[in-house]
Amino acid sequence: MNKTENEIGKIIVNTAFDIHRELGVGLLENVYEAVLYERLKAQGLQVSGKFLLQLNLKNCALKMRFARI
């Protein structure tokens, strides 16, 4: 069964809050990201690695990586 964007969004937000409640604050972002990745996969979502976003804004070049969900 295909999930709607709202259903997927609820799963992501609820899972992120559950992880935050369980682990608390103070860990590196990579730890939370790895746990979120595994939990979303366990719930049947297709999750892949990060993608690179390059942004140039008023002489400021930014390169950021984001999880692809």
C-alpha atoms as a PDB file:
ATOM      1  CA  MET A   1       0.000   0.000   0.000  1.00  0.00           C
ATOM      2  CA  ASN A   2       1.344   3.440  -0.944  1.00  0.00           C
ATOM      3  CA  LYS A   3       1.376   5.989   1.837  1.00  0.00           C
ATOM      4  CA  THR A   4       0.365   9.610   1.354  1.00  0.00           C
ATOM      5  CA  GLU A   5       2.810  12.445   2.018  1.00  0.00           C
ATOM      6  CA  ASN A   6       0.955  13.230   5.243  1.00  0.00           C
ATOM      7  CA  GLU A   7       1.229   9.621   6.428  1.00  0.00           C
ATOM      8  CA  ILE A   8       4.944   9.540   5.637  1.00  0.00           C
ATOM      9  CA  GLY A   9       5.430  12.888   7.381  1.00  0.00           C
ATOM     10  CA  LYS A  10       3.666  11.637  10.521  1.00  0.00           C
ATOM     11  CA  ILE A  11       5.831   8.526  10.603  1.00  0.00           C
ATOM     12  CA  ILE A  12       9.014  10.594  10.285  1.00  0.00           C
ATOM     13  CA  VAL A  13       8.060  13.174  12.913  1.00  0.00           C
ATOM     14  CA  ASN A  14       6.759  10.603  15.402  1.00  0.00           C
ATOM     15  CA  THR A  15       9.840   8.446  14.956  1.00  0.00           C
ATOM     16  CA  ALA A  16      12.148  11.444  15.428  1.00  0.00           C
ATOM     17  CA  PHE A  17      10.340  12.426  18.647  1.00  0.00           C
ATOM     18  CA  ASP A  18      10.527   8.833  19.937  1.00  0.00           C
ATOM     19  CA  ILE A  19      14.269   8.758  19.283  1.00  0.00           C
ATOM     20  CA  HIS A  20      14.723  12.107  21.033  1.00  0.00           C
ATOM     21  CA  ARG A  21      12.788  10.871  24.073  1.00  0.00           C
ATOM     22  CA  GLU A  22      14.830   7.664  24.209  1.00  0.00           C
ATOM     23  CA  LEU A  23      18.308   9.092  23.608  1.00  0.00           C
ATOM     24  CA  GLY A  24      17.928  12.587  25.013  1.00  0.00           C
ATOM     25  CA  VAL A  25      20.187  15.452  24.008  1.00  0.00           C
ATOM     26  CA  GLY A  26      23.931  15.763  23.623  1.00  0.00           C
ATOM     27  CA  LEU A  27      24.820  13.114  21.055  1.00  0.00           C
ATOM     28  CA  LEU A  28      26.319  13.896  17.700  1.00  0.00           C
ATOM     29  CA  GLU A  29      23.863  14.475  14.883  1.00  0.00           C
ATOM     30  CA  ASN A  30      25.210  11.415  13.051  1.00  0.00           C
ATOM     31  CA  VAL A  31      24.018   9.184  15.900  1.00  0.00           C
ATOM     32  CA  TYR A  32      20.435  10.459  15.705  1.00  0.00           C
ATOM     33  CA  GLU A  33      20.552  10.240  11.912  1.00  0.00           C
ATOM     34  CA  ALA A  34      21.747   6.626  11.919  1.00  0.00           C
ATOM     35  CA  VAL A  35      19.030   5.579  14.381  1.00  0.00           C
ATOM     36  CA  LEU A  36      16.353   7.453  12.392  1.00  0.00           C
ATOM     37  CA  TYR A  37      17.544   5.797   9.181  1.00  0.00           C
ATOM     38  CA  GLU A  38      17.257   2.305  10.658  1.00  0.00           C
ATOM     39  CA  ARG A  39      13.911   2.954  12.344  1.00  0.00           C
ATOM     40  CA  LEU A  40      12.352   4.376   9.170  1.00  0.00           C
ATOM     41  CA  LYS A  41      13.556   1.371   7.170  1.00  0.00           C
ATOM     42  CA  ALA A  42      12.080  -0.923   9.833  1.00  0.00           C
ATOM     43  CA  GLN A  43       8.722   0.801   9.351  1.00  0.00           C
ATOM     44  CA  GLY A  44       8.743   0.079   5.635  1.00  0.00           C
ATOM     45  CA  LEU A  45       9.895   3.436   4.276  1.00  0.00           C
ATOM     46  CA  GLN A  46      12.416   3.505   1.460  1.00  0.00           C
ATOM     47  CA  VAL A  47      15.361   5.474   2.809  1.00  0.00           C
ATOM     48  CA  SER A  48      18.593   6.035   0.949  1.00  0.00           C
ATOM     49  CA  GLY A  49      21.844   7.823   1.685  1.00  0.00           C
ATOM     50  CA  LYS A  50      22.507  11.530   1.688  1.00  0.00           C
ATOM     51  CA  PHE A  51      22.489  13.872  -1.282  1.00  0.00           C
ATOM     52  CA  LEU A  52      24.616  16.970  -1.722  1.00  0.00           C
ATOM     53  CA  LEU A  53      22.988  20.401  -1.979  1.00  0.00           C
ATOM     54  CA  GLN A  54      25.178  23.221  -3.205  1.00  0.00           C
ATOM     55  CA  LEU A  55      23.883  26.721  -2.626  1.00  0.00           C
ATOM     56  CA  ASN A  56      25.457  30.034  -3.595  1.00  0.00           C
ATOM     57  CA  LEU A  57      23.958  33.003  -1.806  1.00  0.00           C
ATOM     58  CA  LYS A  58      25.498  36.484  -1.869  1.00  0.00           C
ATOM     59  CA  ASN A  59      29.119  35.323  -2.263  1.00  0.00           C
ATOM     60  CA  CYS A  60      28.648  32.545   0.301  1.00  0.00           C
ATOM     61  CA  ALA A  61      29.020  29.033  -1.112  1.00  0.00           C
ATOM     62  CA  LEU A  62      27.403  26.342   1.009  1.00  0.00           C
ATOM     63  CA  LYS A  63      27.640  22.589   0.552  1.00  0.00           C
ATOM     64  CA  MET A  64      25.349  20.510   2.721  1.00  0.00           C
ATOM     65  CA  ARG A  65      24.367  16.855   2.777  1.00  0.00           C
ATOM     66  CA  PHE A  66      20.796  15.789   3.497  1.00  0.00           C
ATOM     67  CA  ALA A  67      19.161  12.426   4.022  1.00  0.00           C
ATOM     68  CA  ARG A  68      17.152  11.258   1.056  1.00  0.00           C
ATOM     69  CA  ILE A  69      13.808   9.925   2.246  1.00  0.00           C
END
